[in-house]
Amino acid sequence: MMMGLIEKLTLYFNMALSPDDYMGKTVKMSGTCDTYQATSQELEEQMKPIYLSCTAPDVTGCCARGLEFVLGEARTYPEDYPALGNIITIVGKFQMYEEHRYRYCELVDAGLSY
């Protein structure tokens, strides 16, 4: 069964609100390729140098949801990735991690197509 945009966004919001319900489950998401580059201070605090995410906008454009992903295969950024803003699809296992007292959602062992 294909999900509509509203159903998909509801699912993404639920993942953020109740992440334990999705732990270990396989998730597929389509959206735009986005990154967050750590600042020099964040790097000193041993954060990752770059975070990759798939961002799905809502119909009004006000409440986009992004989901970080870590690929299952080794690639070099930016050479082996689509340009920022390109439409991508990721599939991976949902998990949480903690970094500096905050919990984050991510898809691990993810596959990427574009």
PDB file of N, CA and C in Angstrom:
ATOM      1  N   MET A   1       0.837  -1.178   0.000  1.00  0.00           N
ATOM      2  CA  MET A   1       0.000   0.000   0.000  1.00  0.00           C
ATOM      3  C   MET A   1       0.889   1.251   0.000  1.00  0.00           C
ATOM      4  N   MET A   2       0.606   2.175  -0.875  1.00  0.00           N
ATOM      5  CA  MET A   2       1.362   3.418  -0.967  1.00  0.00           C
ATOM      6  C   MET A   2       0.810   4.428   0.046  1.00  0.00           C
ATOM      7  N   MET A   3       1.717   5.105   0.706  1.00  0.00           N
ATOM      8  CA  MET A   3       1.314   6.135   1.664  1.00  0.00           C
ATOM      9  C   MET A   3       1.283   7.483   0.971  1.00  0.00           C
ATOM     10  N   GLY A   4       0.319   8.304   1.354  1.00  0.00           N
ATOM     11  CA  GLY A   4       0.268   9.673   0.870  1.00  0.00           C
ATOM     12  C   GLY A   4       1.217  10.549   1.677  1.00  0.00           C
ATOM     13  N   LEU A   5       1.385  11.769   1.242  1.00  0.00           N
ATOM     14  CA  LEU A   5       2.301  12.686   1.904  1.00  0.00           C
ATOM     15  C   LEU A   5       1.927  12.917   3.363  1.00  0.00           C
ATOM     16  N   ILE A   6       0.651  13.077   3.650  1.00  0.00           N
ATOM     17  CA  ILE A   6       0.211  13.320   5.035  1.00  0.00           C
ATOM     18  C   ILE A   6       0.560  12.126   5.918  1.00  0.00           C
ATOM     19  N   GLU A   7       0.317  10.907   5.420  1.00  0.00           N
ATOM     20  CA  GLU A   7       0.620   9.705   6.201  1.00  0.00           C
ATOM     21  C   GLU A   7       2.120   9.583   6.450  1.00  0.00           C
ATOM     22  N   LYS A   8       2.916   9.895   5.442  1.00  0.00           N
ATOM     23  CA  LYS A   8       4.370   9.809   5.599  1.00  0.00           C
ATOM     24  C   LYS A   8       4.853  10.807   6.644  1.00  0.00           C
ATOM     25  N   LEU A   9       4.383  12.038   6.566  1.00  0.00           N
ATOM     26  CA  LEU A   9       4.826  13.051   7.526  1.00  0.00           C
ATOM     27  C   LEU A   9       4.370  12.722   8.938  1.00  0.00           C
ATOM     28  N   THR A  10       3.173  12.159   9.061  1.00  0.00           N
ATOM     29  CA  THR A  10       2.696  11.718  10.375  1.00  0.00           C
ATOM     30  C   THR A  10       3.625  10.657  10.932  1.00  0.00           C
ATOM     31  N   LEU A  11       4.028   9.724  10.086  1.00  0.00           N
ATOM     32  CA  LEU A  11       4.949   8.669  10.503  1.00  0.00           C
ATOM     33  C   LEU A  11       6.279   9.270  10.954  1.00  0.00           C
ATOM     34  N   TYR A  12       6.837  10.221  10.205  1.00  0.00           N
ATOM     35  CA  TYR A  12       8.117  10.841  10.565  1.00  0.00           C
ATOM     36  C   TYR A  12       8.020  11.574  11.896  1.00  0.00           C
ATOM     37  N   PHE A  13       6.910  12.298  12.119  1.00  0.00           N
ATOM     38  CA  PHE A  13       6.725  12.979  13.399  1.00  0.00           C
ATOM     39  C   PHE A  13       6.608  11.963  14.537  1.00  0.00           C
ATOM     40  N   ASN A  14       5.892  10.856  14.307  1.00  0.00           N
ATOM     41  CA  ASN A  14       5.760   9.828  15.332  1.00  0.00           C
ATOM     42  C   ASN A  14       7.108   9.211  15.682  1.00  0.00           C
ATOM     43  N   MET A  15       7.976   9.041  14.683  1.00  0.00           N
ATOM     44  CA  MET A  15       9.318   8.507  14.947  1.00  0.00           C
ATOM     45  C   MET A  15      10.077   9.419  15.898  1.00  0.00           C
ATOM     46  N   ALA A  16       9.932  10.725  15.714  1.00  0.00           N
ATOM     47  CA  ALA A  16      10.622  11.676  16.583  1.00  0.00           C
ATOM     48  C   ALA A  16      10.009  11.712  17.983  1.00  0.00           C
ATOM     49  N   LEU A  17       8.698  11.566  18.065  1.00  0.00           N
ATOM     50  CA  LEU A  17       8.012  11.641  19.362  1.00  0.00           C
ATOM     51  C   LEU A  17       8.076  10.345  20.151  1.00  0.00           C
ATOM     52  N   SER A  18       8.042   9.203  19.465  1.00  0.00           N
ATOM     53  CA  SER A  18       8.044   7.893  20.133  1.00  0.00           C
ATOM     54  C   SER A  18       9.078   6.978  19.480  1.00  0.00           C
ATOM     55  N   PRO A  19      10.354   7.342  19.551  1.00  0.00           N
ATOM     56  CA  PRO A  19      11.373   6.588  18.826  1.00  0.00           C
ATOM     57  C   PRO A  19      11.501   5.130  19.252  1.00  0.00           C
ATOM     58  N   ASP A  20      11.213   4.829  20.511  1.00  0.00           N
ATOM     59  CA  ASP A  20      11.352   3.442  20.974  1.00  0.00           C
ATOM     60  C   ASP A  20      10.422   2.491  20.221  1.00  0.00           C
ATOM     61  N   ASP A  21       9.313   2.997  19.701  1.00  0.00           N
ATOM     62  CA  ASP A  21       8.379   2.163  18.941  1.00  0.00           C
ATOM     63  C   ASP A  21       8.956   1.731  17.593  1.00  0.00           C
ATOM     64  N   TYR A  22      10.007   2.401  17.132  1.00  0.00           N
ATOM     65  CA  TYR A  22      10.558   2.145  15.799  1.00  0.00           C
ATOM     66  C   TYR A  22      11.958   1.526  15.828  1.00  0.00           C
ATOM     67  N   MET A  23      12.530   1.364  17.026  1.00  0.00           N
ATOM     68  CA  MET A  23      13.893   0.843  17.152  1.00  0.00           C
ATOM     69  C   MET A  23      14.055  -0.483  16.408  1.00  0.00           C
ATOM     70  N   GLY A  24      15.081  -0.549  15.556  1.00  0.00           N
ATOM     71  CA  GLY A  24      15.407  -1.774  14.834  1.00  0.00           C
ATOM     72  C   GLY A  24      14.559  -2.043  13.611  1.00  0.00           C
ATOM     73  N   LYS A  25      13.541  -1.226  13.372  1.00  0.00           N
ATOM     74  CA  LYS A  25      12.671  -1.443  12.212  1.00  0.00           C
ATOM     75  C   LYS A  25      13.303  -0.834  10.959  1.00  0.00           C
ATOM     76  N   THR A  26      12.999  -1.436   9.811  1.00  0.00           N
ATOM     77  CA  THR A  26      13.484  -0.916   8.536  1.00  0.00           C
ATOM     78  C   THR A  26      12.569   0.211   8.084  1.00  0.00           C
ATOM     79  N   VAL A  27      13.181   1.335   7.725  1.00  0.00           N
ATOM     80  CA  VAL A  27      12.444   2.532   7.323  1.00  0.00           C
ATOM     81  C   VAL A  27      12.921   2.958   5.941  1.00  0.00           C
ATOM     82  N   LYS A  28      11.976   3.343   5.092  1.00  0.00           N
ATOM     83  CA  LYS A  28      12.283   3.885   3.772  1.00  0.00           C
ATOM     84  C   LYS A  28      11.737   5.303   3.726  1.00  0.00           C
ATOM     85  N   MET A  29      12.565   6.225   3.243  1.00  0.00           N
ATOM     86  CA  MET A  29      12.168   7.631   3.217  1.00  0.00           C
ATOM     87  C   MET A  29      12.693   8.285   1.951  1.00  0.00           C
ATOM     88  N   SER A  30      11.884   9.137   1.355  1.00  0.00           N
ATOM     89  CA  SER A  30      12.309   9.939   0.205  1.00  0.00           C
ATOM     90  C   SER A  30      12.211  11.409   0.564  1.00  0.00           C
ATOM     91  N   GLY A  31      13.143  12.190   0.053  1.00  0.00           N
ATOM     92  CA  GLY A  31      13.164  13.624   0.308  1.00  0.00           C
ATOM     93  C   GLY A  31      14.392  14.223  -0.330  1.00  0.00           C
ATOM     94  N   THR A  32      14.819  15.360   0.183  1.00  0.00           N
ATOM     95  CA  THR A  32      16.009  16.006  -0.376  1.00  0.00           C
ATOM     96  C   THR A  32      17.252  15.648   0.431  1.00  0.00           C
ATOM     97  N   CYS A  33      18.376  15.621  -0.248  1.00  0.00           N
ATOM     98  CA  CYS A  33      19.663  15.350   0.388  1.00  0.00           C
ATOM     99  C   CYS A  33      20.138  16.630   1.071  1.00  0.00           C
ATOM    100  N   ASP A  34      20.403  16.537   2.362  1.00  0.00           N
ATOM    101  CA  ASP A  34      20.865  17.682   3.130  1.00  0.00           C
ATOM    102  C   ASP A  34      22.029  17.278   4.022  1.00  0.00           C
ATOM    103  N   THR A  35      22.820  18.259   4.438  1.00  0.00           N
ATOM    104  CA  THR A  35      23.933  17.987   5.343  1.00  0.00           C
ATOM    105  C   THR A  35      23.979  19.045   6.427  1.00  0.00           C
ATOM    106  N   TYR A  36      24.641  18.694   7.490  1.00  0.00           N
ATOM    107  CA  TYR A  36      24.992  19.651   8.532  1.00  0.00           C
ATOM    108  C   TYR A  36      26.476  19.452   8.795  1.00  0.00           C
ATOM    109  N   GLN A  37      27.245  20.495   8.655  1.00  0.00           N
ATOM    110  CA  GLN A  37      28.684  20.434   8.884  1.00  0.00           C
ATOM    111  C   GLN A  37      28.969  20.945  10.286  1.00  0.00           C
ATOM    112  N   ALA A  38      29.709  20.173  11.056  1.00  0.00           N
ATOM    113  CA  ALA A  38      30.032  20.557  12.426  1.00  0.00           C
ATOM    114  C   ALA A  38      30.944  21.782  12.443  1.00  0.00           C
ATOM    115  N   THR A  39      30.745  22.632  13.438  1.00  0.00           N
ATOM    116  CA  THR A  39      31.614  23.799  13.611  1.00  0.00           C
ATOM    117  C   THR A  39      32.929  23.358  14.235  1.00  0.00           C
ATOM    118  N   SER A  40      33.909  24.234  14.241  1.00  0.00           N
ATOM    119  CA  SER A  40      35.200  23.877  14.839  1.00  0.00           C
ATOM    120  C   SER A  40      35.039  23.563  16.325  1.00  0.00           C
ATOM    121  N   GLN A  41      34.157  24.282  17.032  1.00  0.00           N
ATOM    122  CA  GLN A  41      33.924  23.994  18.442  1.00  0.00           C
ATOM    123  C   GLN A  41      33.307  22.606  18.610  1.00  0.00           C
ATOM    124  N   GLU A  42      32.354  22.259  17.753  1.00  0.00           N
ATOM    125  CA  GLU A  42      31.725  20.941  17.836  1.00  0.00           C
ATOM    126  C   GLU A  42      32.734  19.842  17.540  1.00  0.00           C
ATOM    127  N   LEU A  43      33.636  20.084  16.602  1.00  0.00           N
ATOM    128  CA  LEU A  43      34.669  19.089  16.307  1.00  0.00           C
ATOM    129  C   LEU A  43      35.578  18.878  17.505  1.00  0.00           C
ATOM    130  N   GLU A  44      35.886  19.979  18.225  1.00  0.00           N
ATOM    131  CA  GLU A  44      36.685  19.860  19.444  1.00  0.00           C
ATOM    132  C   GLU A  44      35.964  19.025  20.492  1.00  0.00           C
ATOM    133  N   GLU A  45      34.634  19.037  20.452  1.00  0.00           N
ATOM    134  CA  GLU A  45      33.825  18.256  21.389  1.00  0.00           C
ATOM    135  C   GLU A  45      33.595  16.837  20.875  1.00  0.00           C
ATOM    136  N   GLN A  46      34.343  16.449  19.846  1.00  0.00           N
ATOM    137  CA  GLN A  46      34.325  15.108  19.272  1.00  0.00           C
ATOM    138  C   GLN A  46      32.991  14.733  18.644  1.00  0.00           C
ATOM    139  N   MET A  47      32.376  15.694  17.987  1.00  0.00           N
ATOM    140  CA  MET A  47      31.173  15.388  17.228  1.00  0.00           C
ATOM    141  C   MET A  47      31.596  14.957  15.834  1.00  0.00           C
ATOM    142  N   LYS A  48      30.670  14.351  15.095  1.00  0.00           N
ATOM    143  CA  LYS A  48      30.964  13.944  13.725  1.00  0.00           C
ATOM    144  C   LYS A  48      31.270  15.181  12.879  1.00  0.00           C
ATOM    145  N   PRO A  49      32.146  15.072  11.871  1.00  0.00           N
ATOM    146  CA  PRO A  49      32.445  16.244  11.050  1.00  0.00           C
ATOM    147  C   PRO A  49      31.292  16.630  10.120  1.00  0.00           C
ATOM    148  N   ILE A  50      30.506  15.648   9.678  1.00  0.00           N
ATOM    149  CA  ILE A  50      29.390  15.943   8.783  1.00  0.00           C
ATOM    150  C   ILE A  50      28.250  14.979   9.065  1.00  0.00           C
ATOM    151  N   TYR A  51      27.057  15.504   9.042  1.00  0.00           N
ATOM    152  CA  TYR A  51      25.846  14.719   9.250  1.00  0.00           C
ATOM    153  C   TYR A  51      25.049  14.753   7.955  1.00  0.00           C
ATOM    154  N   LEU A  52      24.655  13.597   7.445  1.00  0.00           N
ATOM    155  CA  LEU A  52      23.858  13.508   6.223  1.00  0.00           C
ATOM    156  C   LEU A  52      22.421  13.222   6.593  1.00  0.00           C
ATOM    157  N   SER A  53      21.489  13.865   5.900  1.00  0.00           N
ATOM    158  CA  SER A  53      20.079  13.622   6.214  1.00  0.00           C
ATOM    159  C   SER A  53      19.229  13.668   4.959  1.00  0.00           C
ATOM    160  N   CYS A  54      18.066  13.061   5.090  1.00  0.00           N
ATOM    161  CA  CYS A  54      17.028  13.098   4.078  1.00  0.00           C
ATOM    162  C   CYS A  54      15.914  13.937   4.689  1.00  0.00           C
ATOM    163  N   THR A  55      15.489  14.988   3.991  1.00  0.00           N
ATOM    164  CA  THR A  55      14.491  15.909   4.527  1.00  0.00           C
ATOM    165  C   THR A  55      13.236  15.874   3.669  1.00  0.00           C
ATOM    166  N   ALA A  56      12.099  15.651   4.321  1.00  0.00           N
ATOM    167  CA  ALA A  56      10.809  15.605   3.622  1.00  0.00           C
ATOM    168  C   ALA A  56       9.984  16.821   4.032  1.00  0.00           C
ATOM    169  N   PRO A  57       9.662  17.690   3.073  1.00  0.00           N
ATOM    170  CA  PRO A  57       8.848  18.855   3.406  1.00  0.00           C
ATOM    171  C   PRO A  57       7.371  18.473   3.546  1.00  0.00           C
ATOM    172  N   ASP A  58       6.633  19.272   4.299  1.00  0.00           N
ATOM    173  CA  ASP A  58       5.196  19.032   4.351  1.00  0.00           C
ATOM    174  C   ASP A  58       4.520  19.866   3.264  1.00  0.00           C
ATOM    175  N   VAL A  59       3.227  19.692   3.110  1.00  0.00           N
ATOM    176  CA  VAL A  59       2.510  20.359   2.023  1.00  0.00           C
ATOM    177  C   VAL A  59       2.501  21.881   2.157  1.00  0.00           C
ATOM    178  N   THR A  60       2.625  22.401   3.372  1.00  0.00           N
ATOM    179  CA  THR A  60       2.625  23.848   3.549  1.00  0.00           C
ATOM    180  C   THR A  60       4.032  24.429   3.517  1.00  0.00           C
ATOM    181  N   GLY A  61       5.040  23.563   3.608  1.00  0.00           N
ATOM    182  CA  GLY A  61       6.419  24.023   3.594  1.00  0.00           C
ATOM    183  C   GLY A  61       6.913  24.538   4.933  1.00  0.00           C
ATOM    184  N   CYS A  62       6.102  24.365   5.982  1.00  0.00           N
ATOM    185  CA  CYS A  62       6.494  24.920   7.284  1.00  0.00           C
ATOM    186  C   CYS A  62       7.173  23.924   8.204  1.00  0.00           C
ATOM    187  N   CYS A  63       6.921  22.661   8.019  1.00  0.00           N
ATOM    188  CA  CYS A  63       7.308  21.694   9.056  1.00  0.00           C
ATOM    189  C   CYS A  63       8.074  20.505   8.489  1.00  0.00           C
ATOM    190  N   ALA A  64       9.127  20.760   7.779  1.00  0.00           N
ATOM    191  CA  ALA A  64       9.919  19.679   7.192  1.00  0.00           C
ATOM    192  C   ALA A  64      10.528  18.815   8.287  1.00  0.00           C
ATOM    193  N   ARG A  65      10.655  17.522   8.007  1.00  0.00           N
ATOM    194  CA  ARG A  65      11.279  16.582   8.945  1.00  0.00           C
ATOM    195  C   ARG A  65      12.479  15.967   8.251  1.00  0.00           C
ATOM    196  N   GLY A  66      13.589  15.936   8.946  1.00  0.00           N
ATOM    197  CA  GLY A  66      14.789  15.311   8.411  1.00  0.00           C
ATOM    198  C   GLY A  66      15.171  14.098   9.236  1.00  0.00           C
ATOM    199  N   LEU A  67      15.786  13.130   8.588  1.00  0.00           N
ATOM    200  CA  LEU A  67      16.250  11.936   9.276  1.00  0.00           C
ATOM    201  C   LEU A  67      17.685  11.683   8.849  1.00  0.00           C
ATOM    202  N   GLU A  68      18.559  11.679   9.833  1.00  0.00           N
ATOM    203  CA  GLU A  68      19.975  11.434   9.570  1.00  0.00           C
ATOM    204  C   GLU A  68      20.165   9.999   9.103  1.00  0.00           C
ATOM    205  N   PHE A  69      21.157   9.777   8.247  1.00  0.00           N
ATOM    206  CA  PHE A  69      21.456   8.417   7.814  1.00  0.00           C
ATOM    207  C   PHE A  69      22.953   8.179   7.746  1.00  0.00           C
ATOM    208  N   VAL A  70      23.325   6.906   7.969  1.00  0.00           N
ATOM    209  CA  VAL A  70      24.706   6.450   7.868  1.00  0.00           C
ATOM    210  C   VAL A  70      24.680   5.273   6.904  1.00  0.00           C
ATOM    211  N   LEU A  71      25.396   5.405   5.812  1.00  0.00           N
ATOM    212  CA  LEU A  71      25.368   4.367   4.782  1.00  0.00           C
ATOM    213  C   LEU A  71      26.054   3.082   5.243  1.00  0.00           C
ATOM    214  N   GLY A  72      25.582   1.971   4.693  1.00  0.00           N
ATOM    215  CA  GLY A  72      26.169   0.678   4.990  1.00  0.00           C
ATOM    216  C   GLY A  72      27.450   0.429   4.217  1.00  0.00           C
ATOM    217  N   GLU A  73      27.687   1.214   3.182  1.00  0.00           N
ATOM    218  CA  GLU A  73      28.903   1.072   2.378  1.00  0.00           C
ATOM    219  C   GLU A  73      29.735   2.346   2.503  1.00  0.00           C
ATOM    220  N   ALA A  74      31.034   2.195   2.362  1.00  0.00           N
ATOM    221  CA  ALA A  74      31.930   3.346   2.471  1.00  0.00           C
ATOM    222  C   ALA A  74      31.832   4.219   1.217  1.00  0.00           C
ATOM    223  N   ARG A  75      31.636   5.500   1.413  1.00  0.00           N
ATOM    224  CA  ARG A  75      31.632   6.490   0.333  1.00  0.00           C
ATOM    225  C   ARG A  75      32.384   7.716   0.822  1.00  0.00           C
ATOM    226  N   THR A  76      32.844   8.517  -0.109  1.00  0.00           N
ATOM    227  CA  THR A  76      33.559   9.743   0.208  1.00  0.00           C
ATOM    228  C   THR A  76      32.631  10.926  -0.037  1.00  0.00           C
ATOM    229  N   TYR A  77      32.550  11.821   0.952  1.00  0.00           N
ATOM    230  CA  TYR A  77      31.731  13.016   0.800  1.00  0.00           C
ATOM    231  C   TYR A  77      32.618  14.163   0.343  1.00  0.00           C
ATOM    232  N   PRO A  78      32.236  14.928  -0.652  1.00  0.00           N
ATOM    233  CA  PRO A  78      30.970  14.953  -1.370  1.00  0.00           C
ATOM    234  C   PRO A  78      30.980  14.175  -2.692  1.00  0.00           C
ATOM    235  N   GLU A  79      32.123  13.627  -3.065  1.00  0.00           N
ATOM    236  CA  GLU A  79      32.272  13.017  -4.387  1.00  0.00           C
ATOM    237  C   GLU A  79      31.252  11.924  -4.687  1.00  0.00           C
ATOM    238  N   ASP A  80      30.961  11.086  -3.719  1.00  0.00           N
ATOM    239  CA  ASP A  80      30.109   9.916  -3.957  1.00  0.00           C
ATOM    240  C   ASP A  80      28.656  10.117  -3.527  1.00  0.00           C
ATOM    241  N   TYR A  81      28.240  11.364  -3.389  1.00  0.00           N
ATOM    242  CA  TYR A  81      26.884  11.666  -2.943  1.00  0.00           C
ATOM    243  C   TYR A  81      26.200  12.579  -3.954  1.00  0.00           C
ATOM    244  N   PRO A  82      24.864  12.581  -3.944  1.00  0.00           N
ATOM    245  CA  PRO A  82      24.146  13.519  -4.820  1.00  0.00           C
ATOM    246  C   PRO A  82      24.347  14.949  -4.327  1.00  0.00           C
ATOM    247  N   ALA A  83      24.093  15.893  -5.200  1.00  0.00           N
ATOM    248  CA  ALA A  83      24.186  17.299  -4.820  1.00  0.00           C
ATOM    249  C   ALA A  83      23.128  17.623  -3.764  1.00  0.00           C
ATOM    250  N   LEU A  84      23.431  18.579  -2.918  1.00  0.00           N
ATOM    251  CA  LEU A  84      22.464  19.002  -1.906  1.00  0.00           C
ATOM    252  C   LEU A  84      21.189  19.461  -2.587  1.00  0.00           C
ATOM    253  N   GLY A  85      20.059  19.066  -2.033  1.00  0.00           N
ATOM    254  CA  GLY A  85      18.768  19.433  -2.594  1.00  0.00           C
ATOM    255  C   GLY A  85      18.222  18.438  -3.596  1.00  0.00           C
ATOM    256  N   ASN A  86      19.065  17.507  -4.068  1.00  0.00           N
ATOM    257  CA  ASN A  86      18.572  16.472  -4.983  1.00  0.00           C
ATOM    258  C   ASN A  86      17.633  15.524  -4.242  1.00  0.00           C
ATOM    259  N   ILE A  87      16.692  14.943  -4.965  1.00  0.00           N
ATOM    260  CA  ILE A  87      15.763  13.972  -4.386  1.00  0.00           C
ATOM    261  C   ILE A  87      16.492  12.646  -4.197  1.00  0.00           C
ATOM    262  N   ILE A  88      16.390  12.098  -2.987  1.00  0.00           N
ATOM    263  CA  ILE A  88      17.013  10.814  -2.663  1.00  0.00           C
ATOM    264  C   ILE A  88      16.002   9.908  -1.985  1.00  0.00           C
ATOM    265  N   THR A  89      16.321   8.629  -1.952  1.00  0.00           N
ATOM    266  CA  THR A  89      15.570   7.653  -1.165  1.00  0.00           C
ATOM    267  C   THR A  89      16.579   6.888  -0.329  1.00  0.00           C
ATOM    268  N   ILE A  90      16.297   6.765   0.957  1.00  0.00           N
ATOM    269  CA  ILE A  90      17.155   5.994   1.854  1.00  0.00           C
ATOM    270  C   ILE A  90      16.332   4.870   2.465  1.00  0.00           C
ATOM    271  N   VAL A  91      16.995   3.748   2.730  1.00  0.00           N
ATOM    272  CA  VAL A  91      16.381   2.609   3.407  1.00  0.00           C
ATOM    273  C   VAL A  91      17.394   2.111   4.423  1.00  0.00           C
ATOM    274  N   GLY A  92      16.991   2.025   5.685  1.00  0.00           N
ATOM    275  CA  GLY A  92      17.918   1.562   6.715  1.00  0.00           C
ATOM    276  C   GLY A  92      17.197   1.204   7.992  1.00  0.00           C
ATOM    277  N   LYS A  93      17.962   0.761   8.971  1.00  0.00           N
ATOM    278  CA  LYS A  93      17.428   0.375  10.279  1.00  0.00           C
ATOM    279  C   LYS A  93      17.393   1.603  11.189  1.00  0.00           C
ATOM    280  N   PHE A  94      16.245   1.813  11.810  1.00  0.00           N
ATOM    281  CA  PHE A  94      16.048   2.951  12.704  1.00  0.00           C
ATOM    282  C   PHE A  94      16.736   2.688  14.033  1.00  0.00           C
ATOM    283  N   GLN A  95      17.481   3.686  14.506  1.00  0.00           N
ATOM    284  CA  GLN A  95      18.073   3.601  15.842  1.00  0.00           C
ATOM    285  C   GLN A  95      18.250   4.996  16.410  1.00  0.00           C
ATOM    286  N   MET A  96      18.619   5.035  17.664  1.00  0.00           N
ATOM    287  CA  MET A  96      18.885   6.289  18.365  1.00  0.00           C
ATOM    288  C   MET A  96      20.339   6.275  18.820  1.00  0.00           C
ATOM    289  N   TYR A  97      20.916   7.469  18.938  1.00  0.00           N
ATOM    290  CA  TYR A  97      22.223   7.594  19.557  1.00  0.00           C
ATOM    291  C   TYR A  97      22.227   8.854  20.395  1.00  0.00           C
ATOM    292  N   GLU A  98      23.144   8.900  21.348  1.00  0.00           N
ATOM    293  CA  GLU A  98      23.243  10.050  22.230  1.00  0.00           C
ATOM    294  C   GLU A  98      24.551  10.768  21.957  1.00  0.00           C
ATOM    295  N   GLU A  99      24.463  12.092  21.905  1.00  0.00           N
ATOM    296  CA  GLU A  99      25.652  12.906  21.697  1.00  0.00           C
ATOM    297  C   GLU A  99      25.506  14.150  22.545  1.00  0.00           C
ATOM    298  N   HIS A 100      26.394  14.317  23.504  1.00  0.00           N
ATOM    299  CA  HIS A 100      26.384  15.470  24.404  1.00  0.00           C
ATOM    300  C   HIS A 100      25.023  15.670  25.065  1.00  0.00           C
ATOM    301  N   ARG A 101      24.514  14.596  25.667  1.00  0.00           N
ATOM    302  CA  ARG A 101      23.270  14.582  26.439  1.00  0.00           C
ATOM    303  C   ARG A 101      21.999  14.706  25.608  1.00  0.00           C
ATOM    304  N   TYR A 102      22.096  14.729  24.288  1.00  0.00           N
ATOM    305  CA  TYR A 102      20.917  14.784  23.423  1.00  0.00           C
ATOM    306  C   TYR A 102      20.779  13.459  22.683  1.00  0.00           C
ATOM    307  N   ARG A 103      19.532  13.049  22.448  1.00  0.00           N
ATOM    308  CA  ARG A 103      19.269  11.822  21.682  1.00  0.00           C
ATOM    309  C   ARG A 103      18.841  12.195  20.269  1.00  0.00           C
ATOM    310  N   TYR A 104      19.366  11.445  19.305  1.00  0.00           N
ATOM    311  CA  TYR A 104      19.079  11.700  17.898  1.00  0.00           C
ATOM    312  C   TYR A 104      18.621  10.417  17.216  1.00  0.00           C
ATOM    313  N   CYS A 105      17.740  10.552  16.235  1.00  0.00           N
ATOM    314  CA  CYS A 105      17.284   9.426  15.414  1.00  0.00           C
ATOM    315  C   CYS A 105      18.177   9.334  14.183  1.00  0.00           C
ATOM    316  N   GLU A 106      18.405   8.102  13.721  1.00  0.00           N
ATOM    317  CA  GLU A 106      19.147   7.915  12.486  1.00  0.00           C
ATOM    318  C   GLU A 106      18.798   6.573  11.878  1.00  0.00           C
ATOM    319  N   LEU A 107      19.078   6.451  10.585  1.00  0.00           N
ATOM    320  CA  LEU A 107      18.991   5.165   9.891  1.00  0.00           C
ATOM    321  C   LEU A 107      20.413   4.689   9.671  1.00  0.00           C
ATOM    322  N   VAL A 108      20.702   3.468  10.098  1.00  0.00           N
ATOM    323  CA  VAL A 108      22.044   2.914   9.936  1.00  0.00           C
ATOM    324  C   VAL A 108      22.016   1.789   8.901  1.00  0.00           C
ATOM    325  N   ASP A 109      23.220   1.449   8.418  1.00  0.00           N
ATOM    326  CA  ASP A 109      23.352   0.442   7.353  1.00  0.00           C
ATOM    327  C   ASP A 109      22.425   0.789   6.204  1.00  0.00           C
ATOM    328  N   ALA A 110      22.331   2.083   5.919  1.00  0.00           N
ATOM    329  CA  ALA A 110      21.365   2.579   4.939  1.00  0.00           C
ATOM    330  C   ALA A 110      21.861   2.395   3.512  1.00  0.00           C
ATOM    331  N   GLY A 111      20.892   2.183   2.634  1.00  0.00           N
ATOM    332  CA  GLY A 111      21.124   2.212   1.205  1.00  0.00           C
ATOM    333  C   GLY A 111      20.635   3.551   0.696  1.00  0.00           C
ATOM    334  N   LEU A 112      21.270   4.051  -0.355  1.00  0.00           N
ATOM    335  CA  LEU A 112      20.948   5.363  -0.899  1.00  0.00           C
ATOM    336  C   LEU A 112      20.757   5.238  -2.402  1.00  0.00           C
ATOM    337  N   SER A 113      19.641   5.779  -2.897  1.00  0.00           N
ATOM    338  CA  SER A 113      19.444   5.860  -4.341  1.00  0.00           C
ATOM    339  C   SER A 113      18.991   7.263  -4.689  1.00  0.00           C
ATOM    340  N   TYR A 114      19.367   7.668  -5.910  1.00  0.00           N
ATOM    341  CA  TYR A 114      19.000   9.013  -6.383  1.00  0.00           C
ATOM    342  C   TYR A 114      19.015   9.043  -7.893  1.00  0.00           C
TER     343      TYR A 114
END
